[in-house]
Amino acid sequence: MEHPGWILVPWAVFALAAAVKVWRLFGGVRRAARRGMPLHATANTEQFRTTLERIWQRQQLNT
């Protein structure tokens, strides 16, 4: 290794991987913002619970 700047290459790869991971992790928040939904609507546990109950009831009727 003639140039000491090569040590920065692994750090650049790590930083790129971390940025991609964060971008994908917050994809749901970005999609909700594009639809005009408030951010707290993505974490509404009561709405999620009722949705799961409806799915469960439909599955019970089909069996």
PDB file of N, CA and C in Angstrom:
ATOM      1  N   MET A   1       0.845  -1.183   0.000  1.00  0.00           N
ATOM      2  CA  MET A   1       0.000   0.000   0.000  1.00  0.00           C
ATOM      3  C   MET A   1       0.887   1.242   0.000  1.00  0.00           C
ATOM      4  N   GLU A   2       0.835   1.909  -1.071  1.00  0.00           N
ATOM      5  CA  GLU A   2       1.698   3.079  -1.196  1.00  0.00           C
ATOM      6  C   GLU A   2       1.034   4.331  -0.632  1.00  0.00           C
ATOM      7  N   HIS A   3      -0.265   4.398  -0.740  1.00  0.00           N
ATOM      8  CA  HIS A   3      -0.968   5.610  -0.336  1.00  0.00           C
ATOM      9  C   HIS A   3      -1.743   5.337   0.958  1.00  0.00           C
ATOM     10  N   PRO A   4      -1.541   6.143   2.016  1.00  0.00           N
ATOM     11  CA  PRO A   4      -2.243   5.890   3.279  1.00  0.00           C
ATOM     12  C   PRO A   4      -3.742   6.205   3.218  1.00  0.00           C
ATOM     13  N   GLY A   5      -4.209   6.809   2.137  1.00  0.00           N
ATOM     14  CA  GLY A   5      -5.635   7.122   2.008  1.00  0.00           C
ATOM     15  C   GLY A   5      -6.503   5.901   1.789  1.00  0.00           C
ATOM     16  N   TRP A   6      -5.875   4.767   1.475  1.00  0.00           N
ATOM     17  CA  TRP A   6      -6.647   3.540   1.267  1.00  0.00           C
ATOM     18  C   TRP A   6      -7.354   3.088   2.530  1.00  0.00           C
ATOM     19  N   ILE A   7      -6.921   3.540   3.671  1.00  0.00           N
ATOM     20  CA  ILE A   7      -7.566   3.152   4.924  1.00  0.00           C
ATOM     21  C   ILE A   7      -8.982   3.729   5.013  1.00  0.00           C
ATOM     22  N   LEU A   8      -9.261   4.763   4.225  1.00  0.00           N
ATOM     23  CA  LEU A   8     -10.589   5.378   4.246  1.00  0.00           C
ATOM     24  C   LEU A   8     -11.617   4.581   3.443  1.00  0.00           C
ATOM     25  N   VAL A   9     -11.182   3.690   2.585  1.00  0.00           N
ATOM     26  CA  VAL A   9     -12.110   2.917   1.748  1.00  0.00           C
ATOM     27  C   VAL A   9     -13.052   2.068   2.590  1.00  0.00           C
ATOM     28  N   PRO A  10     -12.574   1.293   3.577  1.00  0.00           N
ATOM     29  CA  PRO A  10     -13.527   0.521   4.394  1.00  0.00           C
ATOM     30  C   PRO A  10     -14.518   1.400   5.148  1.00  0.00           C
ATOM     31  N   TRP A  11     -14.053   2.555   5.608  1.00  0.00           N
ATOM     32  CA  TRP A  11     -14.959   3.463   6.307  1.00  0.00           C
ATOM     33  C   TRP A  11     -16.022   4.021   5.363  1.00  0.00           C
ATOM     34  N   ALA A  12     -15.654   4.282   4.134  1.00  0.00           N
ATOM     35  CA  ALA A  12     -16.628   4.770   3.157  1.00  0.00           C
ATOM     36  C   ALA A  12     -17.664   3.697   2.848  1.00  0.00           C
ATOM     37  N   VAL A  13     -17.230   2.445   2.740  1.00  0.00           N
ATOM     38  CA  VAL A  13     -18.160   1.346   2.503  1.00  0.00           C
ATOM     39  C   VAL A  13     -19.110   1.202   3.680  1.00  0.00           C
ATOM     40  N   PHE A  14     -18.577   1.273   4.895  1.00  0.00           N
ATOM     41  CA  PHE A  14     -19.412   1.191   6.093  1.00  0.00           C
ATOM     42  C   PHE A  14     -20.430   2.325   6.146  1.00  0.00           C
ATOM     43  N   ALA A  15     -20.002   3.540   5.847  1.00  0.00           N
ATOM     44  CA  ALA A  15     -20.909   4.692   5.881  1.00  0.00           C
ATOM     45  C   ALA A  15     -22.010   4.553   4.830  1.00  0.00           C
ATOM     46  N   LEU A  16     -21.669   4.062   3.661  1.00  0.00           N
ATOM     47  CA  LEU A  16     -22.669   3.849   2.620  1.00  0.00           C
ATOM     48  C   LEU A  16     -23.675   2.789   3.039  1.00  0.00           C
ATOM     49  N   ALA A  17     -23.203   1.695   3.624  1.00  0.00           N
ATOM     50  CA  ALA A  17     -24.100   0.636   4.077  1.00  0.00           C
ATOM     51  C   ALA A  17     -25.027   1.146   5.178  1.00  0.00           C
ATOM     52  N   ALA A  18     -24.514   1.933   6.096  1.00  0.00           N
ATOM     53  CA  ALA A  18     -25.346   2.491   7.165  1.00  0.00           C
ATOM     54  C   ALA A  18     -26.400   3.443   6.603  1.00  0.00           C
ATOM     55  N   ALA A  19     -26.024   4.249   5.627  1.00  0.00           N
ATOM     56  CA  ALA A  19     -26.988   5.175   5.022  1.00  0.00           C
ATOM     57  C   ALA A  19     -28.098   4.421   4.301  1.00  0.00           C
ATOM     58  N   VAL A  20     -27.742   3.352   3.596  1.00  0.00           N
ATOM     59  CA  VAL A  20     -28.762   2.553   2.905  1.00  0.00           C
ATOM     60  C   VAL A  20     -29.691   1.901   3.911  1.00  0.00           C
ATOM     61  N   LYS A  21     -29.144   1.392   5.009  1.00  0.00           N
ATOM     62  CA  LYS A  21     -29.963   0.742   6.042  1.00  0.00           C
ATOM     63  C   LYS A  21     -30.950   1.738   6.651  1.00  0.00           C
ATOM     64  N   VAL A  22     -30.498   2.926   6.975  1.00  0.00           N
ATOM     65  CA  VAL A  22     -31.379   3.950   7.553  1.00  0.00           C
ATOM     66  C   VAL A  22     -32.442   4.359   6.534  1.00  0.00           C
ATOM     67  N   TRP A  23     -32.069   4.493   5.273  1.00  0.00           N
ATOM     68  CA  TRP A  23     -33.012   4.873   4.224  1.00  0.00           C
ATOM     69  C   TRP A  23     -34.133   3.844   4.115  1.00  0.00           C
ATOM     70  N   ARG A  24     -33.776   2.568   4.147  1.00  0.00           N
ATOM     71  CA  ARG A  24     -34.781   1.512   4.044  1.00  0.00           C
ATOM     72  C   ARG A  24     -35.612   1.403   5.316  1.00  0.00           C
ATOM     73  N   LEU A  25     -34.987   1.650   6.460  1.00  0.00           N
ATOM     74  CA  LEU A  25     -35.677   1.542   7.740  1.00  0.00           C
ATOM     75  C   LEU A  25     -36.792   2.577   7.866  1.00  0.00           C
ATOM     76  N   PHE A  26     -36.557   3.764   7.380  1.00  0.00           N
ATOM     77  CA  PHE A  26     -37.544   4.836   7.491  1.00  0.00           C
ATOM     78  C   PHE A  26     -38.390   4.977   6.231  1.00  0.00           C
ATOM     79  N   GLY A  27     -38.431   3.948   5.410  1.00  0.00           N
ATOM     80  CA  GLY A  27     -39.247   3.971   4.199  1.00  0.00           C
ATOM     81  C   GLY A  27     -40.727   4.130   4.493  1.00  0.00           C
ATOM     82  N   GLY A  28     -41.215   3.495   5.544  1.00  0.00           N
ATOM     83  CA  GLY A  28     -42.632   3.616   5.906  1.00  0.00           C
ATOM     84  C   GLY A  28     -43.006   5.028   6.303  1.00  0.00           C
ATOM     85  N   VAL A  29     -42.122   5.689   6.997  1.00  0.00           N
ATOM     86  CA  VAL A  29     -42.385   7.077   7.404  1.00  0.00           C
ATOM     87  C   VAL A  29     -42.435   7.972   6.172  1.00  0.00           C
ATOM     88  N   ARG A  30     -41.522   7.731   5.223  1.00  0.00           N
ATOM     89  CA  ARG A  30     -41.525   8.540   4.001  1.00  0.00           C
ATOM     90  C   ARG A  30     -42.790   8.302   3.189  1.00  0.00           C
ATOM     91  N   ARG A  31     -43.234   7.037   3.094  1.00  0.00           N
ATOM     92  CA  ARG A  31     -44.453   6.742   2.342  1.00  0.00           C
ATOM     93  C   ARG A  31     -45.672   7.396   2.986  1.00  0.00           C
ATOM     94  N   ALA A  32     -45.742   7.361   4.300  1.00  0.00           N
ATOM     95  CA  ALA A  32     -46.861   7.990   5.003  1.00  0.00           C
ATOM     96  C   ALA A  32     -46.860   9.494   4.796  1.00  0.00           C
ATOM     97  N   ALA A  33     -45.694  10.089   4.791  1.00  0.00           N
ATOM     98  CA  ALA A  33     -45.601  11.543   4.591  1.00  0.00           C
ATOM     99  C   ALA A  33     -46.044  11.913   3.178  1.00  0.00           C
ATOM    100  N   ARG A  34     -45.707  11.055   2.199  1.00  0.00           N
ATOM    101  CA  ARG A  34     -46.127  11.338   0.824  1.00  0.00           C
ATOM    102  C   ARG A  34     -47.634  11.243   0.672  1.00  0.00           C
ATOM    103  N   ARG A  35     -48.259  10.379   1.424  1.00  0.00           N
ATOM    104  CA  ARG A  35     -49.720  10.224   1.339  1.00  0.00           C
ATOM    105  C   ARG A  35     -50.455  11.298   2.126  1.00  0.00           C
ATOM    106  N   GLY A  36     -49.724  12.097   2.859  1.00  0.00           N
ATOM    107  CA  GLY A  36     -50.347  13.169   3.622  1.00  0.00           C
ATOM    108  C   GLY A  36     -50.846  12.721   4.979  1.00  0.00           C
ATOM    109  N   MET A  37     -50.448  11.537   5.404  1.00  0.00           N
ATOM    110  CA  MET A  37     -50.864  11.039   6.708  1.00  0.00           C
ATOM    111  C   MET A  37     -49.995  11.674   7.791  1.00  0.00           C
ATOM    112  N   PRO A  38     -50.574  11.969   8.939  1.00  0.00           N
ATOM    113  CA  PRO A  38     -49.730  12.450  10.035  1.00  0.00           C
ATOM    114  C   PRO A  38     -48.819  11.326  10.519  1.00  0.00           C
ATOM    115  N   LEU A  39     -47.675  11.685  11.053  1.00  0.00           N
ATOM    116  CA  LEU A  39     -46.699  10.675  11.456  1.00  0.00           C
ATOM    117  C   LEU A  39     -47.214   9.785  12.575  1.00  0.00           C
ATOM    118  N   HIS A  40     -48.049  10.321  13.463  1.00  0.00           N
ATOM    119  CA  HIS A  40     -48.550   9.487  14.553  1.00  0.00           C
ATOM    120  C   HIS A  40     -49.528   8.428  14.051  1.00  0.00           C
ATOM    121  N   ALA A  41     -50.064   8.597  12.854  1.00  0.00           N
ATOM    122  CA  ALA A  41     -50.998   7.611  12.316  1.00  0.00           C
ATOM    123  C   ALA A  41     -50.299   6.306  11.960  1.00  0.00           C
ATOM    124  N   THR A  42     -49.011   6.349  11.692  1.00  0.00           N
ATOM    125  CA  THR A  42     -48.298   5.120  11.370  1.00  0.00           C
ATOM    126  C   THR A  42     -48.079   4.261  12.601  1.00  0.00           C
ATOM    127  N   ALA A  43     -48.163   4.844  13.784  1.00  0.00           N
ATOM    128  CA  ALA A  43     -47.928   4.106  15.012  1.00  0.00           C
ATOM    129  C   ALA A  43     -49.204   3.946  15.839  1.00  0.00           C
ATOM    130  N   ASN A  44     -50.372   4.047  15.221  1.00  0.00           N
ATOM    131  CA  ASN A  44     -51.629   3.935  15.927  1.00  0.00           C
ATOM    132  C   ASN A  44     -51.904   2.477  16.252  1.00  0.00           C
ATOM    133  N   THR A  45     -51.665   2.087  17.482  1.00  0.00           N
ATOM    134  CA  THR A  45     -51.809   0.685  17.857  1.00  0.00           C
ATOM    135  C   THR A  45     -53.271   0.248  17.906  1.00  0.00           C
ATOM    136  N   GLU A  46     -54.159   1.140  18.250  1.00  0.00           N
ATOM    137  CA  GLU A  46     -55.581   0.778  18.314  1.00  0.00           C
ATOM    138  C   GLU A  46     -56.118   0.427  16.923  1.00  0.00           C
ATOM    139  N   GLN A  47     -55.767   1.213  15.946  1.00  0.00           N
ATOM    140  CA  GLN A  47     -56.191   0.938  14.572  1.00  0.00           C
ATOM    141  C   GLN A  47     -55.584  -0.370  14.082  1.00  0.00           C
ATOM    142  N   PHE A  48     -54.337  -0.607  14.422  1.00  0.00           N
ATOM    143  CA  PHE A  48     -53.669  -1.845  14.032  1.00  0.00           C
ATOM    144  C   PHE A  48     -54.350  -3.046  14.686  1.00  0.00           C
ATOM    145  N   ARG A  49     -54.723  -2.904  15.942  1.00  0.00           N
ATOM    146  CA  ARG A  49     -55.391  -3.992  16.660  1.00  0.00           C
ATOM    147  C   ARG A  49     -56.734  -4.323  16.031  1.00  0.00           C
ATOM    148  N   THR A  50     -57.518  -3.310  15.694  1.00  0.00           N
ATOM    149  CA  THR A  50     -58.819  -3.574  15.077  1.00  0.00           C
ATOM    150  C   THR A  50     -58.665  -4.209  13.692  1.00  0.00           C
ATOM    151  N   THR A  51     -57.640  -3.807  12.966  1.00  0.00           N
ATOM    152  CA  THR A  51     -57.382  -4.423  11.667  1.00  0.00           C
ATOM    153  C   THR A  51     -57.040  -5.898  11.834  1.00  0.00           C
ATOM    154  N   LEU A  52     -56.210  -6.216  12.808  1.00  0.00           N
ATOM    155  CA  LEU A  52     -55.873  -7.610  13.066  1.00  0.00           C
ATOM    156  C   LEU A  52     -57.089  -8.415  13.501  1.00  0.00           C
ATOM    157  N   GLU A  53     -57.967  -7.810  14.308  1.00  0.00           N
ATOM    158  CA  GLU A  53     -59.171  -8.518  14.734  1.00  0.00           C
ATOM    159  C   GLU A  53     -60.092  -8.816  13.551  1.00  0.00           C
ATOM    160  N   ARG A  54     -60.224  -7.861  12.623  1.00  0.00           N
ATOM    161  CA  ARG A  54     -61.054  -8.110  11.436  1.00  0.00           C
ATOM    162  C   ARG A  54     -60.477  -9.242  10.590  1.00  0.00           C
ATOM    163  N   ILE A  55     -59.168  -9.252  10.424  1.00  0.00           N
ATOM    164  CA  ILE A  55     -58.534 -10.330   9.662  1.00  0.00           C
ATOM    165  C   ILE A  55     -58.771 -11.662  10.350  1.00  0.00           C
ATOM    166  N   TRP A  56     -58.617 -11.694  11.661  1.00  0.00           N
ATOM    167  CA  TRP A  56     -58.817 -12.925  12.416  1.00  0.00           C
ATOM    168  C   TRP A  56     -60.256 -13.413  12.284  1.00  0.00           C
ATOM    169  N   GLN A  57     -61.236 -12.506  12.352  1.00  0.00           N
ATOM    170  CA  GLN A  57     -62.638 -12.887  12.225  1.00  0.00           C
ATOM    171  C   GLN A  57     -62.929 -13.436  10.826  1.00  0.00           C
ATOM    172  N   ARG A  58     -62.362 -12.831   9.785  1.00  0.00           N
ATOM    173  CA  ARG A  58     -62.546 -13.355   8.429  1.00  0.00           C
ATOM    174  C   ARG A  58     -61.966 -14.752   8.284  1.00  0.00           C
ATOM    175  N   GLN A  59     -60.827 -14.972   8.904  1.00  0.00           N
ATOM    176  CA  GLN A  59     -60.215 -16.293   8.836  1.00  0.00           C
ATOM    177  C   GLN A  59     -61.044 -17.322   9.586  1.00  0.00           C
ATOM    178  N   GLN A  60     -61.663 -16.923  10.675  1.00  0.00           N
ATOM    179  CA  GLN A  60     -62.518 -17.840  11.424  1.00  0.00           C
ATOM    180  C   GLN A  60     -63.755 -18.223  10.631  1.00  0.00           C
ATOM    181  N   LEU A  61     -64.293 -17.300   9.847  1.00  0.00           N
ATOM    182  CA  LEU A  61     -65.467 -17.585   9.037  1.00  0.00           C
ATOM    183  C   LEU A  61     -65.127 -18.498   7.868  1.00  0.00           C
ATOM    184  N   ASN A  62     -63.914 -18.408   7.346  1.00  0.00           N
ATOM    185  CA  ASN A  62     -63.505 -19.212   6.211  1.00  0.00           C
ATOM    186  C   ASN A  62     -63.111 -20.639   6.602  1.00  0.00           C
ATOM    187  N   THR A  63     -62.884 -20.901   7.868  1.00  0.00           N
ATOM    188  CA  THR A  63     -62.491 -22.263   8.261  1.00  0.00           C
ATOM    189  C   THR A  63     -63.640 -23.077   8.767  1.00  0.00           C
TER     190      THR A  63
END
